Amino acid sequence: MEVTSIRKIINDTLPFCESKLANHKINLRINDFPESYTIDCRPVQISQVILNLISNAADAIQNKNEKWIQIFVTPLENQIFQISLTDC
């Protein structure tokens, strides 16, 4: 376990899905949130979950006309954050 920036985890994950998103012409949006949002976690495991969610969303919308995936990071309480994905 280590304290890691959520932004770093997301940024480290993006190279693994960039080509799939580009090939399907899917726009990835990430809400603006402070770099100071950190979590105590296993970063590789969180990255894998985010990657799987992006991949699943990309598969689900690949045949739509308007294609986008939005990542939201929302603070809840006591250093607890919600990371959610929405797709078109």
PDB file of N, CA and C in Angstrom:
ATOM      1  N   MET A   1       0.845  -1.175   0.000  1.00  0.00           N
ATOM      2  CA  MET A   1       0.000   0.000   0.000  1.00  0.00           C
ATOM      3  C   MET A   1       0.891   1.240   0.000  1.00  0.00           C
ATOM      4  N   GLU A   2       0.442   2.245  -0.735  1.00  0.00           N
ATOM      5  CA  GLU A   2       1.173   3.510  -0.747  1.00  0.00           C
ATOM      6  C   GLU A   2       0.215   4.660  -1.029  1.00  0.00           C
ATOM      7  N   VAL A   3       0.556   5.809  -0.522  1.00  0.00           N
ATOM      8  CA  VAL A   3      -0.241   7.010  -0.774  1.00  0.00           C
ATOM      9  C   VAL A   3       0.144   7.522  -2.160  1.00  0.00           C
ATOM     10  N   THR A   4      -0.864   7.633  -3.012  1.00  0.00           N
ATOM     11  CA  THR A   4      -0.622   7.994  -4.410  1.00  0.00           C
ATOM     12  C   THR A   4      -1.665   8.998  -4.879  1.00  0.00           C
ATOM     13  N   SER A   5      -1.257   9.899  -5.729  1.00  0.00           N
ATOM     14  CA  SER A   5      -2.166  10.859  -6.339  1.00  0.00           C
ATOM     15  C   SER A   5      -3.122  10.132  -7.293  1.00  0.00           C
ATOM     16  N   ILE A   6      -4.397  10.439  -7.186  1.00  0.00           N
ATOM     17  CA  ILE A   6      -5.378   9.849  -8.096  1.00  0.00           C
ATOM     18  C   ILE A   6      -5.076  10.283  -9.525  1.00  0.00           C
ATOM     19  N   ARG A   7      -4.677  11.520  -9.695  1.00  0.00           N
ATOM     20  CA  ARG A   7      -4.332  12.017 -11.035  1.00  0.00           C
ATOM     21  C   ARG A   7      -3.187  11.204 -11.630  1.00  0.00           C
ATOM     22  N   LYS A   8      -2.175  10.875 -10.821  1.00  0.00           N
ATOM     23  CA  LYS A   8      -1.047  10.073 -11.308  1.00  0.00           C
ATOM     24  C   LYS A   8      -1.517   8.688 -11.739  1.00  0.00           C
ATOM     25  N   ILE A   9      -2.387   8.091 -10.953  1.00  0.00           N
ATOM     26  CA  ILE A   9      -2.902   6.758 -11.310  1.00  0.00           C
ATOM     27  C   ILE A   9      -3.620   6.827 -12.662  1.00  0.00           C
ATOM     28  N   ILE A  10      -4.477   7.812 -12.832  1.00  0.00           N
ATOM     29  CA  ILE A  10      -5.210   7.942 -14.096  1.00  0.00           C
ATOM     30  C   ILE A  10      -4.237   8.216 -15.247  1.00  0.00           C
ATOM     31  N   ASN A  11      -3.319   9.152 -15.055  1.00  0.00           N
ATOM     32  CA  ASN A  11      -2.352   9.473 -16.111  1.00  0.00           C
ATOM     33  C   ASN A  11      -1.473   8.281 -16.475  1.00  0.00           C
ATOM     34  N   ASP A  12      -1.121   7.462 -15.490  1.00  0.00           N
ATOM     35  CA  ASP A  12      -0.312   6.276 -15.757  1.00  0.00           C
ATOM     36  C   ASP A  12      -1.116   5.190 -16.479  1.00  0.00           C
ATOM     37  N   THR A  13      -2.433   5.243 -16.366  1.00  0.00           N
ATOM     38  CA  THR A  13      -3.309   4.251 -16.991  1.00  0.00           C
ATOM     39  C   THR A  13      -3.586   4.576 -18.456  1.00  0.00           C
ATOM     40  N   LEU A  14      -3.680   5.844 -18.786  1.00  0.00           N
ATOM     41  CA  LEU A  14      -4.107   6.274 -20.118  1.00  0.00           C
ATOM     42  C   LEU A  14      -3.286   5.716 -21.280  1.00  0.00           C
ATOM     43  N   PRO A  15      -1.978   5.603 -21.177  1.00  0.00           N
ATOM     44  CA  PRO A  15      -1.234   5.048 -22.322  1.00  0.00           C
ATOM     45  C   PRO A  15      -1.678   3.634 -22.718  1.00  0.00           C
ATOM     46  N   PHE A  16      -2.231   2.891 -21.792  1.00  0.00           N
ATOM     47  CA  PHE A  16      -2.647   1.525 -22.089  1.00  0.00           C
ATOM     48  C   PHE A  16      -3.953   1.450 -22.868  1.00  0.00           C
ATOM     49  N   CYS A  17      -4.698   2.554 -22.937  1.00  0.00           N
ATOM     50  CA  CYS A  17      -5.975   2.531 -23.648  1.00  0.00           C
ATOM     51  C   CYS A  17      -6.060   3.570 -24.760  1.00  0.00           C
ATOM     52  N   GLU A  18      -5.024   4.377 -24.938  1.00  0.00           N
ATOM     53  CA  GLU A  18      -5.058   5.447 -25.934  1.00  0.00           C
ATOM     54  C   GLU A  18      -5.314   4.936 -27.347  1.00  0.00           C
ATOM     55  N   SER A  19      -4.666   3.852 -27.740  1.00  0.00           N
ATOM     56  CA  SER A  19      -4.829   3.377 -29.116  1.00  0.00           C
ATOM     57  C   SER A  19      -6.242   2.853 -29.355  1.00  0.00           C
ATOM     58  N   LYS A  20      -6.816   2.168 -28.389  1.00  0.00           N
ATOM     59  CA  LYS A  20      -8.183   1.667 -28.542  1.00  0.00           C
ATOM     60  C   LYS A  20      -9.160   2.832 -28.680  1.00  0.00           C
ATOM     61  N   LEU A  21      -8.995   3.851 -27.843  1.00  0.00           N
ATOM     62  CA  LEU A  21      -9.865   5.015 -27.907  1.00  0.00           C
ATOM     63  C   LEU A  21      -9.692   5.746 -29.238  1.00  0.00           C
ATOM     64  N   ALA A  22      -8.467   5.901 -29.680  1.00  0.00           N
ATOM     65  CA  ALA A  22      -8.201   6.584 -30.950  1.00  0.00           C
ATOM     66  C   ALA A  22      -8.765   5.786 -32.132  1.00  0.00           C
ATOM     67  N   ASN A  23      -8.575   4.483 -32.125  1.00  0.00           N
ATOM     68  CA  ASN A  23      -9.070   3.637 -33.222  1.00  0.00           C
ATOM     69  C   ASN A  23     -10.585   3.708 -33.355  1.00  0.00           C
ATOM     70  N   HIS A  24     -11.280   3.845 -32.239  1.00  0.00           N
ATOM     71  CA  HIS A  24     -12.747   3.908 -32.254  1.00  0.00           C
ATOM     72  C   HIS A  24     -13.254   5.351 -32.220  1.00  0.00           C
ATOM     73  N   LYS A  25     -12.319   6.318 -32.288  1.00  0.00           N
ATOM     74  CA  LYS A  25     -12.657   7.751 -32.268  1.00  0.00           C
ATOM     75  C   LYS A  25     -13.517   8.119 -31.062  1.00  0.00           C
ATOM     76  N   ILE A  26     -13.059   7.659 -29.901  1.00  0.00           N
ATOM     77  CA  ILE A  26     -13.750   7.933 -28.641  1.00  0.00           C
ATOM     78  C   ILE A  26     -13.014   9.045 -27.907  1.00  0.00           C
ATOM     79  N   ASN A  27     -13.763  10.053 -27.501  1.00  0.00           N
ATOM     80  CA  ASN A  27     -13.211  11.181 -26.762  1.00  0.00           C
ATOM     81  C   ASN A  27     -13.222  10.849 -25.267  1.00  0.00           C
ATOM     82  N   LEU A  28     -12.085  10.958 -24.619  1.00  0.00           N
ATOM     83  CA  LEU A  28     -11.987  10.723 -23.183  1.00  0.00           C
ATOM     84  C   LEU A  28     -11.918  12.064 -22.476  1.00  0.00           C
ATOM     85  N   ARG A  29     -12.816  12.262 -21.524  1.00  0.00           N
ATOM     86  CA  ARG A  29     -12.860  13.492 -20.738  1.00  0.00           C
ATOM     87  C   ARG A  29     -12.604  13.140 -19.270  1.00  0.00           C
ATOM     88  N   ILE A  30     -11.864  13.995 -18.612  1.00  0.00           N
ATOM     89  CA  ILE A  30     -11.589  13.797 -17.187  1.00  0.00           C
ATOM     90  C   ILE A  30     -11.952  15.092 -16.479  1.00  0.00           C
ATOM     91  N   ASN A  31     -12.816  14.991 -15.457  1.00  0.00           N
ATOM     92  CA  ASN A  31     -13.186  16.221 -14.754  1.00  0.00           C
ATOM     93  C   ASN A  31     -11.963  16.802 -14.060  1.00  0.00           C
ATOM     94  N   ASP A  32     -12.006  18.098 -13.852  1.00  0.00           N
ATOM     95  CA  ASP A  32     -10.901  18.789 -13.217  1.00  0.00           C
ATOM     96  C   ASP A  32     -10.961  18.558 -11.707  1.00  0.00           C
ATOM     97  N   PHE A  33      -9.870  18.081 -11.159  1.00  0.00           N
ATOM     98  CA  PHE A  33      -9.790  17.876  -9.718  1.00  0.00           C
ATOM     99  C   PHE A  33      -8.355  18.119  -9.275  1.00  0.00           C
ATOM    100  N   PRO A  34      -8.165  18.481  -8.006  1.00  0.00           N
ATOM    101  CA  PRO A  34      -6.828  18.844  -7.531  1.00  0.00           C
ATOM    102  C   PRO A  34      -5.836  17.683  -7.537  1.00  0.00           C
ATOM    103  N   GLU A  35      -4.613  18.011  -7.820  1.00  0.00           N
ATOM    104  CA  GLU A  35      -3.519  17.039  -7.749  1.00  0.00           C
ATOM    105  C   GLU A  35      -3.375  16.502  -6.323  1.00  0.00           C
ATOM    106  N   SER A  36      -3.853  17.259  -5.363  1.00  0.00           N
ATOM    107  CA  SER A  36      -3.708  16.883  -3.953  1.00  0.00           C
ATOM    108  C   SER A  36      -4.616  15.722  -3.531  1.00  0.00           C
ATOM    109  N   TYR A  37      -5.525  15.299  -4.400  1.00  0.00           N
ATOM    110  CA  TYR A  37      -6.369  14.142  -4.064  1.00  0.00           C
ATOM    111  C   TYR A  37      -5.501  12.894  -4.093  1.00  0.00           C
ATOM    112  N   THR A  38      -5.280  12.328  -2.919  1.00  0.00           N
ATOM    113  CA  THR A  38      -4.454  11.125  -2.821  1.00  0.00           C
ATOM    114  C   THR A  38      -5.222  10.029  -2.096  1.00  0.00           C
ATOM    115  N   ILE A  39      -4.836   8.791  -2.391  1.00  0.00           N
ATOM    116  CA  ILE A  39      -5.441   7.639  -1.719  1.00  0.00           C
ATOM    117  C   ILE A  39      -4.341   6.672  -1.308  1.00  0.00           C
ATOM    118  N   ASP A  40      -4.611   5.941  -0.250  1.00  0.00           N
ATOM    119  CA  ASP A  40      -3.711   4.890   0.225  1.00  0.00           C
ATOM    120  C   ASP A  40      -4.189   3.601  -0.434  1.00  0.00           C
ATOM    121  N   CYS A  41      -3.400   3.094  -1.371  1.00  0.00           N
ATOM    122  CA  CYS A  41      -3.876   1.975  -2.185  1.00  0.00           C
ATOM    123  C   CYS A  41      -2.698   1.217  -2.784  1.00  0.00           C
ATOM    124  N   ARG A  42      -3.050   0.244  -3.601  1.00  0.00           N
ATOM    125  CA  ARG A  42      -2.097  -0.422  -4.473  1.00  0.00           C
ATOM    126  C   ARG A  42      -2.356   0.165  -5.862  1.00  0.00           C
ATOM    127  N   PRO A  43      -1.563   1.135  -6.285  1.00  0.00           N
ATOM    128  CA  PRO A  43      -1.842   1.882  -7.514  1.00  0.00           C
ATOM    129  C   PRO A  43      -2.057   1.009  -8.752  1.00  0.00           C
ATOM    130  N   VAL A  44      -1.295  -0.054  -8.882  1.00  0.00           N
ATOM    131  CA  VAL A  44      -1.440  -0.925 -10.048  1.00  0.00           C
ATOM    132  C   VAL A  44      -2.827  -1.558 -10.081  1.00  0.00           C
ATOM    133  N   GLN A  45      -3.357  -1.913  -8.925  1.00  0.00           N
ATOM    134  CA  GLN A  45      -4.688  -2.519  -8.894  1.00  0.00           C
ATOM    135  C   GLN A  45      -5.770  -1.509  -9.254  1.00  0.00           C
ATOM    136  N   ILE A  46      -5.655  -0.281  -8.764  1.00  0.00           N
ATOM    137  CA  ILE A  46      -6.625   0.762  -9.116  1.00  0.00           C
ATOM    138  C   ILE A  46      -6.520   1.071 -10.608  1.00  0.00           C
ATOM    139  N   SER A  47      -5.306   1.137 -11.118  1.00  0.00           N
ATOM    140  CA  SER A  47      -5.093   1.373 -12.540  1.00  0.00           C
ATOM    141  C   SER A  47      -5.751   0.277 -13.382  1.00  0.00           C
ATOM    142  N   GLN A  48      -5.624  -0.957 -12.956  1.00  0.00           N
ATOM    143  CA  GLN A  48      -6.224  -2.075 -13.702  1.00  0.00           C
ATOM    144  C   GLN A  48      -7.744  -1.965 -13.724  1.00  0.00           C
ATOM    145  N   VAL A  49      -8.333  -1.563 -12.607  1.00  0.00           N
ATOM    146  CA  VAL A  49      -9.792  -1.382 -12.561  1.00  0.00           C
ATOM    147  C   VAL A  49     -10.220  -0.272 -13.521  1.00  0.00           C
ATOM    148  N   ILE A  50      -9.513   0.853 -13.497  1.00  0.00           N
ATOM    149  CA  ILE A  50      -9.838   1.970 -14.385  1.00  0.00           C
ATOM    150  C   ILE A  50      -9.679   1.541 -15.843  1.00  0.00           C
ATOM    151  N   LEU A  51      -8.601   0.835 -16.150  1.00  0.00           N
ATOM    152  CA  LEU A  51      -8.373   0.356 -17.508  1.00  0.00           C
ATOM    153  C   LEU A  51      -9.505  -0.563 -17.969  1.00  0.00           C
ATOM    154  N   ASN A  52      -9.935  -1.466 -17.107  1.00  0.00           N
ATOM    155  CA  ASN A  52     -11.031  -2.380 -17.453  1.00  0.00           C
ATOM    156  C   ASN A  52     -12.333  -1.621 -17.688  1.00  0.00           C
ATOM    157  N   LEU A  53     -12.608  -0.623 -16.851  1.00  0.00           N
ATOM    158  CA  LEU A  53     -13.824   0.166 -17.025  1.00  0.00           C
ATOM    159  C   LEU A  53     -13.794   0.955 -18.336  1.00  0.00           C
ATOM    160  N   ILE A  54     -12.658   1.540 -18.654  1.00  0.00           N
ATOM    161  CA  ILE A  54     -12.533   2.269 -19.915  1.00  0.00           C
ATOM    162  C   ILE A  54     -12.707   1.318 -21.094  1.00  0.00           C
ATOM    163  N   SER A  55     -12.075   0.177 -21.035  1.00  0.00           N
ATOM    164  CA  SER A  55     -12.176  -0.803 -22.117  1.00  0.00           C
ATOM    165  C   SER A  55     -13.606  -1.288 -22.307  1.00  0.00           C
ATOM    166  N   ASN A  56     -14.282  -1.580 -21.212  1.00  0.00           N
ATOM    167  CA  ASN A  56     -15.677  -2.033 -21.289  1.00  0.00           C
ATOM    168  C   ASN A  56     -16.574  -0.934 -21.860  1.00  0.00           C
ATOM    169  N   ALA A  57     -16.360   0.295 -21.427  1.00  0.00           N
ATOM    170  CA  ALA A  57     -17.153   1.414 -21.937  1.00  0.00           C
ATOM    171  C   ALA A  57     -16.884   1.611 -23.426  1.00  0.00           C
ATOM    172  N   ALA A  58     -15.639   1.520 -23.834  1.00  0.00           N
ATOM    173  CA  ALA A  58     -15.288   1.678 -25.248  1.00  0.00           C
ATOM    174  C   ALA A  58     -15.972   0.604 -26.097  1.00  0.00           C
ATOM    175  N   ASP A  59     -15.976  -0.620 -25.616  1.00  0.00           N
ATOM    176  CA  ASP A  59     -16.653  -1.704 -26.332  1.00  0.00           C
ATOM    177  C   ASP A  59     -18.150  -1.443 -26.443  1.00  0.00           C
ATOM    178  N   ALA A  60     -18.733  -0.904 -25.405  1.00  0.00           N
ATOM    179  CA  ALA A  60     -20.183  -0.676 -25.370  1.00  0.00           C
ATOM    180  C   ALA A  60     -20.624   0.439 -26.309  1.00  0.00           C
ATOM    181  N   ILE A  61     -19.762   1.413 -26.582  1.00  0.00           N
ATOM    182  CA  ILE A  61     -20.186   2.568 -27.386  1.00  0.00           C
ATOM    183  C   ILE A  61     -19.527   2.631 -28.757  1.00  0.00           C
ATOM    184  N   GLN A  62     -18.754   1.653 -29.124  1.00  0.00           N
ATOM    185  CA  GLN A  62     -17.973   1.746 -30.359  1.00  0.00           C
ATOM    186  C   GLN A  62     -18.811   1.942 -31.622  1.00  0.00           C
ATOM    187  N   ASN A  63     -20.079   1.538 -31.614  1.00  0.00           N
ATOM    188  CA  ASN A  63     -20.917   1.687 -32.804  1.00  0.00           C
ATOM    189  C   ASN A  63     -21.851   2.894 -32.746  1.00  0.00           C
ATOM    190  N   LYS A  64     -21.718   3.720 -31.738  1.00  0.00           N
ATOM    191  CA  LYS A  64     -22.567   4.915 -31.629  1.00  0.00           C
ATOM    192  C   LYS A  64     -21.985   6.052 -32.462  1.00  0.00           C
ATOM    193  N   ASN A  65     -22.838   7.017 -32.776  1.00  0.00           N
ATOM    194  CA  ASN A  65     -22.371   8.177 -33.546  1.00  0.00           C
ATOM    195  C   ASN A  65     -21.516   9.102 -32.696  1.00  0.00           C
ATOM    196  N   GLU A  66     -22.035   9.476 -31.541  1.00  0.00           N
ATOM    197  CA  GLU A  66     -21.295  10.328 -30.608  1.00  0.00           C
ATOM    198  C   GLU A  66     -20.674   9.420 -29.560  1.00  0.00           C
ATOM    199  N   LYS A  67     -19.339   9.478 -29.449  1.00  0.00           N
ATOM    200  CA  LYS A  67     -18.654   8.545 -28.547  1.00  0.00           C
ATOM    201  C   LYS A  67     -17.753   9.300 -27.589  1.00  0.00           C
ATOM    202  N   TRP A  68     -18.052   9.167 -26.302  1.00  0.00           N
ATOM    203  CA  TRP A  68     -17.204   9.772 -25.285  1.00  0.00           C
ATOM    204  C   TRP A  68     -17.296   8.961 -23.997  1.00  0.00           C
ATOM    205  N   ILE A  69     -16.234   9.065 -23.223  1.00  0.00           N
ATOM    206  CA  ILE A  69     -16.168   8.480 -21.882  1.00  0.00           C
ATOM    207  C   ILE A  69     -15.709   9.595 -20.958  1.00  0.00           C
ATOM    208  N   GLN A  70     -16.400   9.739 -19.846  1.00  0.00           N
ATOM    209  CA  GLN A  70     -16.066  10.773 -18.867  1.00  0.00           C
ATOM    210  C   GLN A  70     -15.631  10.093 -17.566  1.00  0.00           C
ATOM    211  N   ILE A  71     -14.497  10.515 -17.028  1.00  0.00           N
ATOM    212  CA  ILE A  71     -14.030  10.049 -15.724  1.00  0.00           C
ATOM    213  C   ILE A  71     -14.257  11.174 -14.728  1.00  0.00           C
ATOM    214  N   PHE A  72     -14.940  10.848 -13.647  1.00  0.00           N
ATOM    215  CA  PHE A  72     -15.204  11.804 -12.571  1.00  0.00           C
ATOM    216  C   PHE A  72     -14.488  11.344 -11.307  1.00  0.00           C
ATOM    217  N   VAL A  73     -13.848  12.257 -10.625  1.00  0.00           N
ATOM    218  CA  VAL A  73     -13.278  11.995  -9.303  1.00  0.00           C
ATOM    219  C   VAL A  73     -13.974  12.950  -8.352  1.00  0.00           C
ATOM    220  N   THR A  74     -14.657  12.374  -7.364  1.00  0.00           N
ATOM    221  CA  THR A  74     -15.457  13.166  -6.440  1.00  0.00           C
ATOM    222  C   THR A  74     -15.040  12.879  -5.011  1.00  0.00           C
ATOM    223  N   PRO A  75     -14.727  13.910  -4.230  1.00  0.00           N
ATOM    224  CA  PRO A  75     -14.413  13.676  -2.817  1.00  0.00           C
ATOM    225  C   PRO A  75     -15.691  13.376  -2.047  1.00  0.00           C
ATOM    226  N   LEU A  76     -15.609  12.421  -1.150  1.00  0.00           N
ATOM    227  CA  LEU A  76     -16.758  12.096  -0.301  1.00  0.00           C
ATOM    228  C   LEU A  76     -16.501  12.632   1.104  1.00  0.00           C
ATOM    229  N   GLU A  77     -15.739  11.914   1.891  1.00  0.00           N
ATOM    230  CA  GLU A  77     -15.389  12.381   3.237  1.00  0.00           C
ATOM    231  C   GLU A  77     -14.153  11.649   3.730  1.00  0.00           C
ATOM    232  N   ASN A  78     -13.435  12.250   4.651  1.00  0.00           N
ATOM    233  CA  ASN A  78     -12.281  11.614   5.301  1.00  0.00           C
ATOM    234  C   ASN A  78     -11.331  10.931   4.321  1.00  0.00           C
ATOM    235  N   GLN A  79     -10.902  11.687   3.299  1.00  0.00           N
ATOM    236  CA  GLN A  79      -9.968  11.145   2.310  1.00  0.00           C
ATOM    237  C   GLN A  79     -10.522   9.946   1.553  1.00  0.00           C
ATOM    238  N   ILE A  80     -11.829   9.900   1.396  1.00  0.00           N
ATOM    239  CA  ILE A  80     -12.485   8.875   0.582  1.00  0.00           C
ATOM    240  C   ILE A  80     -12.954   9.551  -0.698  1.00  0.00           C
ATOM    241  N   PHE A  81     -12.639   8.923  -1.826  1.00  0.00           N
ATOM    242  CA  PHE A  81     -12.990   9.488  -3.116  1.00  0.00           C
ATOM    243  C   PHE A  81     -13.760   8.464  -3.935  1.00  0.00           C
ATOM    244  N   GLN A  82     -14.638   8.976  -4.762  1.00  0.00           N
ATOM    245  CA  GLN A  82     -15.361   8.121  -5.692  1.00  0.00           C
ATOM    246  C   GLN A  82     -14.802   8.400  -7.080  1.00  0.00           C
ATOM    247  N   ILE A  83     -14.404   7.340  -7.771  1.00  0.00           N
ATOM    248  CA  ILE A  83     -13.964   7.435  -9.155  1.00  0.00           C
ATOM    249  C   ILE A  83     -15.031   6.747  -9.983  1.00  0.00           C
ATOM    250  N   SER A  84     -15.649   7.501 -10.893  1.00  0.00           N
ATOM    251  CA  SER A  84     -16.727   6.911 -11.697  1.00  0.00           C
ATOM    252  C   SER A  84     -16.510   7.218 -13.175  1.00  0.00           C
ATOM    253  N   LEU A  85     -17.053   6.341 -14.014  1.00  0.00           N
ATOM    254  CA  LEU A  85     -16.982   6.516 -15.453  1.00  0.00           C
ATOM    255  C   LEU A  85     -18.395   6.538 -16.009  1.00  0.00           C
ATOM    256  N   THR A  86     -18.613   7.432 -16.953  1.00  0.00           N
ATOM    257  CA  THR A  86     -19.879   7.511 -17.665  1.00  0.00           C
ATOM    258  C   THR A  86     -19.544   7.478 -19.143  1.00  0.00           C
ATOM    259  N   ASP A  87     -20.367   6.786 -19.919  1.00  0.00           N
ATOM    260  CA  ASP A  87     -20.143   6.792 -21.368  1.00  0.00           C
ATOM    261  C   ASP A  87     -21.412   7.215 -22.085  1.00  0.00           C
ATOM    262  N   CYS A  88     -21.237   7.607 -23.329  1.00  0.00           N
ATOM    263  CA  CYS A  88     -22.360   8.056 -24.144  1.00  0.00           C
ATOM    264  C   CYS A  88     -23.090   6.842 -24.688  1.00  0.00           C
TER     265      CYS A  88
END
